Amino acid sequence: MAIKDIIQRNEELEALYMKALNTINILLKKIERLEKENEKLRRERDILLRAMKIAKQINDKQKQDLHIDRVLQYLKEFEEKPH
């Protein structure tokens, strides 16, 4: 292998390395975004589970519906907030 070939191969490898680093950075940003979304969904799930437990304990159907409506409204407002 001539020096010229080695230099060319080195440049090709450097380009591949930079491309790999860029891909890793993109993936890290996606992971961070997904982790935030996952945490938000986990909080919403916890709210819904607590609301369902409370709703089960309410005997009056109208009060039960009112409770569920309030929880859904809270979740809608929660979703609209920037996180």
C-alpha atoms as a PDB file:
ATOM      1  CA  MET A   1       0.000   0.000   0.000  1.00  0.00           C
ATOM      2  CA  ALA A   2       1.444   3.348  -1.041  1.00  0.00           C
ATOM      3  CA  ILE A   3       1.512   6.365   1.218  1.00  0.00           C
ATOM      4  CA  LYS A   4      -1.001   8.058  -1.081  1.00  0.00           C
ATOM      5  CA  ASP A   5      -3.407   5.114  -0.579  1.00  0.00           C
ATOM      6  CA  ILE A   6      -2.900   5.198   3.177  1.00  0.00           C
ATOM      7  CA  ILE A   7      -3.634   8.939   3.296  1.00  0.00           C
ATOM      8  CA  GLN A   8      -6.747   8.473   1.163  1.00  0.00           C
ATOM      9  CA  ARG A   9      -7.950   5.605   3.367  1.00  0.00           C
ATOM     10  CA  ASN A  10      -7.273   7.690   6.465  1.00  0.00           C
ATOM     11  CA  GLU A  11      -9.379  10.546   5.056  1.00  0.00           C
ATOM     12  CA  GLU A  12     -12.194   8.113   4.265  1.00  0.00           C
ATOM     13  CA  LEU A  13     -12.066   6.731   7.795  1.00  0.00           C
ATOM     14  CA  GLU A  14     -12.063  10.246   9.281  1.00  0.00           C
ATOM     15  CA  ALA A  15     -15.160  11.096   7.234  1.00  0.00           C
ATOM     16  CA  LEU A  16     -16.879   7.911   8.433  1.00  0.00           C
ATOM     17  CA  TYR A  17     -15.868   8.706  12.006  1.00  0.00           C
ATOM     18  CA  MET A  18     -17.362  12.214  11.776  1.00  0.00           C
ATOM     19  CA  LYS A  19     -20.550  10.805  10.273  1.00  0.00           C
ATOM     20  CA  ALA A  20     -20.754   8.277  13.120  1.00  0.00           C
ATOM     21  CA  LEU A  21     -20.270  11.030  15.721  1.00  0.00           C
ATOM     22  CA  ASN A  22     -23.019  13.108  14.133  1.00  0.00           C
ATOM     23  CA  THR A  23     -25.338  10.099  14.127  1.00  0.00           C
ATOM     24  CA  ILE A  24     -24.554   9.437  17.794  1.00  0.00           C
ATOM     25  CA  ASN A  25     -25.338  13.068  18.692  1.00  0.00           C
ATOM     26  CA  ILE A  26     -28.634  12.932  16.805  1.00  0.00           C
ATOM     27  CA  LEU A  27     -29.563   9.702  18.575  1.00  0.00           C
ATOM     28  CA  LEU A  28     -28.622  11.109  21.984  1.00  0.00           C
ATOM     29  CA  LYS A  29     -30.901  14.097  21.391  1.00  0.00           C
ATOM     30  CA  LYS A  30     -33.725  11.754  20.353  1.00  0.00           C
ATOM     31  CA  ILE A  31     -33.194   9.648  23.469  1.00  0.00           C
ATOM     32  CA  GLU A  32     -33.344  12.769  25.641  1.00  0.00           C
ATOM     33  CA  ARG A  33     -36.577  13.895  23.955  1.00  0.00           C
ATOM     34  CA  LEU A  34     -38.113  10.432  24.319  1.00  0.00           C
ATOM     35  CA  GLU A  35     -37.128  10.245  27.986  1.00  0.00           C
ATOM     36  CA  LYS A  36     -38.889  13.560  28.625  1.00  0.00           C
ATOM     37  CA  GLU A  37     -41.969  12.360  26.759  1.00  0.00           C
ATOM     38  CA  ASN A  38     -41.891   9.085  28.670  1.00  0.00           C
ATOM     39  CA  GLU A  39     -41.771  10.925  31.997  1.00  0.00           C
ATOM     40  CA  LYS A  40     -44.716  13.091  30.953  1.00  0.00           C
ATOM     41  CA  LEU A  41     -46.711  10.024  29.951  1.00  0.00           C
ATOM     42  CA  ARG A  42     -45.799   8.306  33.217  1.00  0.00           C
ATOM     43  CA  ARG A  43     -47.133  11.287  35.200  1.00  0.00           C
ATOM     44  CA  GLU A  44     -50.344  11.313  33.153  1.00  0.00           C
ATOM     45  CA  ARG A  45     -50.768   7.580  33.706  1.00  0.00           C
ATOM     46  CA  ASP A  46     -50.309   8.009  37.458  1.00  0.00           C
ATOM     47  CA  ILE A  47     -52.904  10.784  37.497  1.00  0.00           C
ATOM     48  CA  LEU A  48     -55.369   8.630  35.577  1.00  0.00           C
ATOM     49  CA  LEU A  49     -54.834   5.646  37.861  1.00  0.00           C
ATOM     50  CA  ARG A  50     -55.437   7.749  40.973  1.00  0.00           C
ATOM     51  CA  ALA A  51     -58.504   9.311  39.355  1.00  0.00           C
ATOM     52  CA  MET A  52     -59.946   5.906  38.468  1.00  0.00           C
ATOM     53  CA  LYS A  53     -59.431   4.660  42.026  1.00  0.00           C
ATOM     54  CA  ILE A  54     -61.200   7.720  43.400  1.00  0.00           C
ATOM     55  CA  ALA A  55     -64.004   7.453  40.827  1.00  0.00           C
ATOM     56  CA  LYS A  56     -64.619   3.840  41.843  1.00  0.00           C
ATOM     57  CA  GLN A  57     -65.172   4.986  45.431  1.00  0.00           C
ATOM     58  CA  ILE A  58     -67.793   7.581  44.450  1.00  0.00           C
ATOM     59  CA  ASN A  59     -71.287   6.085  44.613  1.00  0.00           C
ATOM     60  CA  ASP A  60     -73.199   8.941  42.995  1.00  0.00           C
ATOM     61  CA  LYS A  61     -72.999   8.649  39.188  1.00  0.00           C
ATOM     62  CA  GLN A  62     -73.219  12.430  38.638  1.00  0.00           C
ATOM     63  CA  LYS A  63     -70.420  13.134  41.107  1.00  0.00           C
ATOM     64  CA  GLN A  64     -68.395  10.357  39.534  1.00  0.00           C
ATOM     65  CA  ASP A  65     -68.858  11.905  36.071  1.00  0.00           C
ATOM     66  CA  LEU A  66     -67.980  15.346  37.428  1.00  0.00           C
ATOM     67  CA  HIS A  67     -64.796  13.952  38.993  1.00  0.00           C
ATOM     68  CA  ILE A  68     -63.763  12.291  35.734  1.00  0.00           C
ATOM     69  CA  ASP A  69     -64.513  15.461  33.752  1.00  0.00           C
ATOM     70  CA  ARG A  70     -62.333  17.502  36.119  1.00  0.00           C
ATOM     71  CA  VAL A  71     -59.472  15.037  35.801  1.00  0.00           C
ATOM     72  CA  LEU A  72     -59.737  15.070  32.009  1.00  0.00           C
ATOM     73  CA  GLN A  73     -59.737  18.878  32.034  1.00  0.00           C
ATOM     74  CA  TYR A  74     -56.671  18.874  34.281  1.00  0.00           C
ATOM     75  CA  LEU A  75     -54.882  16.495  31.910  1.00  0.00           C
ATOM     76  CA  LYS A  76     -55.791  18.668  28.935  1.00  0.00           C
ATOM     77  CA  GLU A  77     -54.311  21.721  30.676  1.00  0.00           C
ATOM     78  CA  PHE A  78     -51.289  19.667  31.777  1.00  0.00           C
ATOM     79  CA  GLU A  79     -50.704  18.596  28.176  1.00  0.00           C
ATOM     80  CA  GLU A  80     -50.846  22.179  26.923  1.00  0.00           C
ATOM     81  CA  LYS A  81     -48.172  23.357  29.371  1.00  0.00           C
ATOM     82  CA  PRO A  82     -44.656  23.466  27.935  1.00  0.00           C
ATOM     83  CA  HIS A  83     -42.326  21.027  29.686  1.00  0.00           C
END
